[in-house]
Amino acid sequence: MLEVSKVGHEWFWERLDQYLAKSQLKHSKQRNFIIEEFLSMKTHVSAEELYSQLKSKDHNPGLATVYRTLNLLKDAALVDQKQFSDGKSVFEVMEPGAHHDHLICLICHKVIEFENEEIERLQEQVAKKYSFKLTKHSLELFGHCSDCQKAS
């Protein structure tokens, strides 16, 4: 395997190694560079934003390669793809055991991540009431952020 910076994301690279081996795929310098840049952005990022960031660092893998890499990470269950109010697909790392939900501004499209144990407990109670086994969920609340409220 090529040498890559794994600090803080050891679990990510281990799971990617397992997925690539199972899928009979290999690491490539270009793919690893795209992944490292994606991990460094630490936010919801579109393929176009990642591509633009890579180009600004004089690395031009091609937009199709960026899409293929993000889709590979999605297939490996390492990233989640979301589509918020502006219709743009964005990707975020799915850290093991971590979960958050989203507040989405309908005006400026700002996305605010939040965690709330009470909401999580209520969702479990609803599932239990209906004898439903939750495997995953997504909660997105839409409205107007404080900046947009002040502006109107």
Protein backbone atom coordinates (compact mmCIF):
# COMPACT_ATOMS: atom_id res chain seq x y z
CA MET A 1 0.00 0.00 0.00
CA LEU A 2 1.14 3.57 -0.63
CA GLU A 3 2.16 5.63 2.37
CA VAL A 4 -0.61 7.98 3.40
CA SER A 5 -1.29 10.12 6.44
CA LYS A 6 -3.50 7.98 8.67
CA VAL A 7 -3.36 10.08 11.83
CA GLY A 8 -6.86 10.46 13.25
CA HIS A 9 -8.41 8.25 10.60
CA GLU A 10 -6.79 4.88 11.24
CA TRP A 11 -10.19 3.15 11.38
CA PHE A 12 -11.12 4.70 8.02
CA TRP A 13 -8.01 3.40 6.23
CA GLU A 14 -8.32 -0.05 7.86
CA ARG A 15 -11.91 -0.40 6.67
CA LEU A 16 -10.95 0.89 3.22
CA ASP A 17 -8.10 -1.67 3.05
CA GLN A 18 -10.59 -4.44 3.90
CA TYR A 19 -13.10 -3.24 1.31
CA LEU A 20 -10.50 -2.93 -1.44
CA ALA A 21 -9.13 -6.42 -0.71
CA LYS A 22 -12.63 -7.92 -0.70
CA SER A 23 -13.44 -6.13 -3.97
CA GLN A 24 -10.09 -7.09 -5.51
CA LEU A 25 -9.14 -3.45 -5.94
CA LYS A 26 -5.89 -1.70 -5.10
CA HIS A 27 -4.83 1.62 -3.68
CA SER A 28 -3.64 4.19 -6.16
CA LYS A 29 -1.66 7.35 -5.54
CA GLN A 30 -4.40 9.44 -7.13
CA ARG A 31 -7.25 7.82 -5.16
CA ASN A 32 -5.34 8.18 -1.89
CA PHE A 33 -4.63 11.85 -2.62
CA ILE A 34 -8.36 12.48 -3.24
CA ILE A 35 -9.29 10.64 -0.03
CA GLU A 36 -6.70 12.51 2.06
CA GLU A 37 -8.02 15.83 0.77
CA PHE A 38 -11.62 14.77 1.43
CA LEU A 39 -10.76 13.77 5.02
CA SER A 40 -8.94 17.07 5.60
CA MET A 41 -12.02 19.13 4.65
CA LYS A 42 -13.97 17.92 7.75
CA THR A 43 -17.36 19.05 6.49
CA HIS A 44 -20.13 18.13 4.09
CA VAL A 45 -18.47 18.37 0.70
CA SER A 46 -19.71 17.95 -2.85
CA ALA A 47 -17.67 16.26 -5.55
CA GLU A 48 -17.35 19.64 -7.26
CA GLU A 49 -16.04 21.32 -4.08
CA LEU A 50 -13.52 18.54 -3.55
CA TYR A 51 -12.45 18.76 -7.20
CA SER A 52 -12.01 22.53 -6.89
CA GLN A 53 -9.94 22.09 -3.72
CA LEU A 54 -7.72 19.53 -5.46
CA LYS A 55 -7.22 21.86 -8.45
CA SER A 56 -6.22 24.70 -6.13
CA LYS A 57 -3.39 22.46 -4.92
CA ASP A 58 -2.21 21.83 -8.50
CA HIS A 59 -3.61 18.32 -8.56
CA ASN A 60 -6.15 17.62 -11.28
CA PRO A 61 -7.50 14.07 -11.11
CA GLY A 62 -10.56 14.87 -13.22
CA LEU A 63 -14.07 15.34 -11.90
CA ALA A 64 -15.14 11.83 -12.97
CA THR A 65 -12.31 10.33 -10.88
CA VAL A 66 -13.42 12.35 -7.86
CA TYR A 67 -16.99 11.05 -8.32
CA ARG A 68 -15.74 7.47 -8.71
CA THR A 69 -13.65 7.76 -5.54
CA LEU A 70 -16.53 9.18 -3.49
CA ASN A 71 -18.87 6.48 -4.80
CA LEU A 72 -16.31 3.82 -3.89
CA LEU A 73 -16.19 5.23 -0.34
CA LYS A 74 -19.99 5.20 -0.24
CA ASP A 75 -20.07 1.58 -1.42
CA ALA A 76 -17.55 0.75 1.32
CA ALA A 77 -19.93 2.36 3.89
CA LEU A 78 -17.24 4.87 4.82
CA VAL A 79 -19.13 7.96 3.69
CA ASP A 80 -22.75 8.94 3.56
CA GLN A 81 -24.27 10.88 0.69
CA LYS A 82 -26.89 13.51 1.51
CA GLN A 83 -28.98 15.82 -0.59
CA PHE A 84 -30.05 18.94 1.25
CA SER A 85 -32.43 21.76 0.28
CA ASP A 86 -30.29 23.15 -2.53
CA GLY A 87 -30.44 19.77 -4.32
CA LYS A 88 -26.65 19.37 -4.29
CA SER A 89 -25.27 15.97 -3.25
CA VAL A 90 -22.74 16.18 -0.45
CA PHE A 91 -20.65 13.54 1.26
CA GLU A 92 -19.56 13.16 4.88
CA VAL A 93 -17.51 10.59 6.77
CA MET A 94 -19.54 7.97 8.68
CA GLU A 95 -17.50 7.59 11.85
CA PRO A 96 -18.19 4.36 13.77
CA GLY A 97 -20.49 4.92 16.72
CA ALA A 98 -20.93 8.61 15.93
CA HIS A 99 -24.26 10.07 14.93
CA HIS A 100 -25.57 13.55 14.35
CA ASP A 101 -28.57 15.18 12.73
CA HIS A 102 -28.93 18.34 10.65
CA LEU A 103 -30.58 21.76 10.76
CA ILE A 104 -30.80 23.12 7.20
CA CYS A 105 -31.47 26.75 6.30
CA LEU A 106 -33.87 27.07 3.37
CA ILE A 107 -32.49 30.51 2.48
CA CYS A 108 -28.68 30.30 2.59
CA HIS A 109 -28.47 26.47 2.68
CA LYS A 110 -26.24 26.48 5.76
CA VAL A 111 -26.13 23.03 7.39
CA ILE A 112 -25.72 22.83 11.16
CA GLU A 113 -24.90 19.47 12.71
CA PHE A 114 -26.30 18.70 16.14
CA GLU A 115 -26.56 15.82 18.59
CA ASN A 116 -29.49 15.31 20.96
CA GLU A 117 -29.77 12.23 23.16
CA GLU A 118 -33.44 12.90 23.93
CA ILE A 119 -34.36 12.82 20.23
CA GLU A 120 -32.39 9.58 19.86
CA ARG A 121 -34.27 8.01 22.80
CA LEU A 122 -37.64 9.11 21.41
CA GLN A 123 -36.85 7.54 18.04
CA GLU A 124 -35.97 4.27 19.78
CA GLN A 125 -39.25 4.42 21.72
CA VAL A 126 -41.26 4.92 18.52
CA ALA A 127 -39.48 2.00 16.87
CA LYS A 128 -40.08 -0.22 19.91
CA LYS A 129 -43.77 0.74 20.04
CA TYR A 130 -44.20 -0.55 16.49
CA SER A 131 -41.89 -3.58 16.93
CA PHE A 132 -39.53 -2.05 14.41
CA LYS A 133 -35.79 -2.71 14.50
CA LEU A 134 -33.89 0.44 13.58
CA THR A 135 -30.72 -0.06 11.60
CA LYS A 136 -30.09 3.56 10.66
CA HIS A 137 -31.92 6.86 10.47
CA SER A 138 -31.57 10.39 9.22
CA LEU A 139 -33.14 13.51 10.71
CA GLU A 140 -33.11 16.78 8.82
CA LEU A 141 -34.92 19.84 10.17
CA PHE A 142 -35.57 22.69 7.74
CA GLY A 143 -36.07 26.36 8.59
CA HIS A 144 -34.23 29.68 8.71
CA CYS A 145 -30.88 30.15 10.45
CA SER A 146 -30.29 33.06 12.84
CA ASP A 147 -28.35 35.05 10.21
CA CYS A 148 -31.18 34.79 7.67
CA GLN A 149 -33.79 35.63 10.32
CA LYS A 150 -31.88 38.84 11.14
CA ALA A 151 -31.60 39.74 7.45
CA SER A 152 -35.34 39.50 6.79
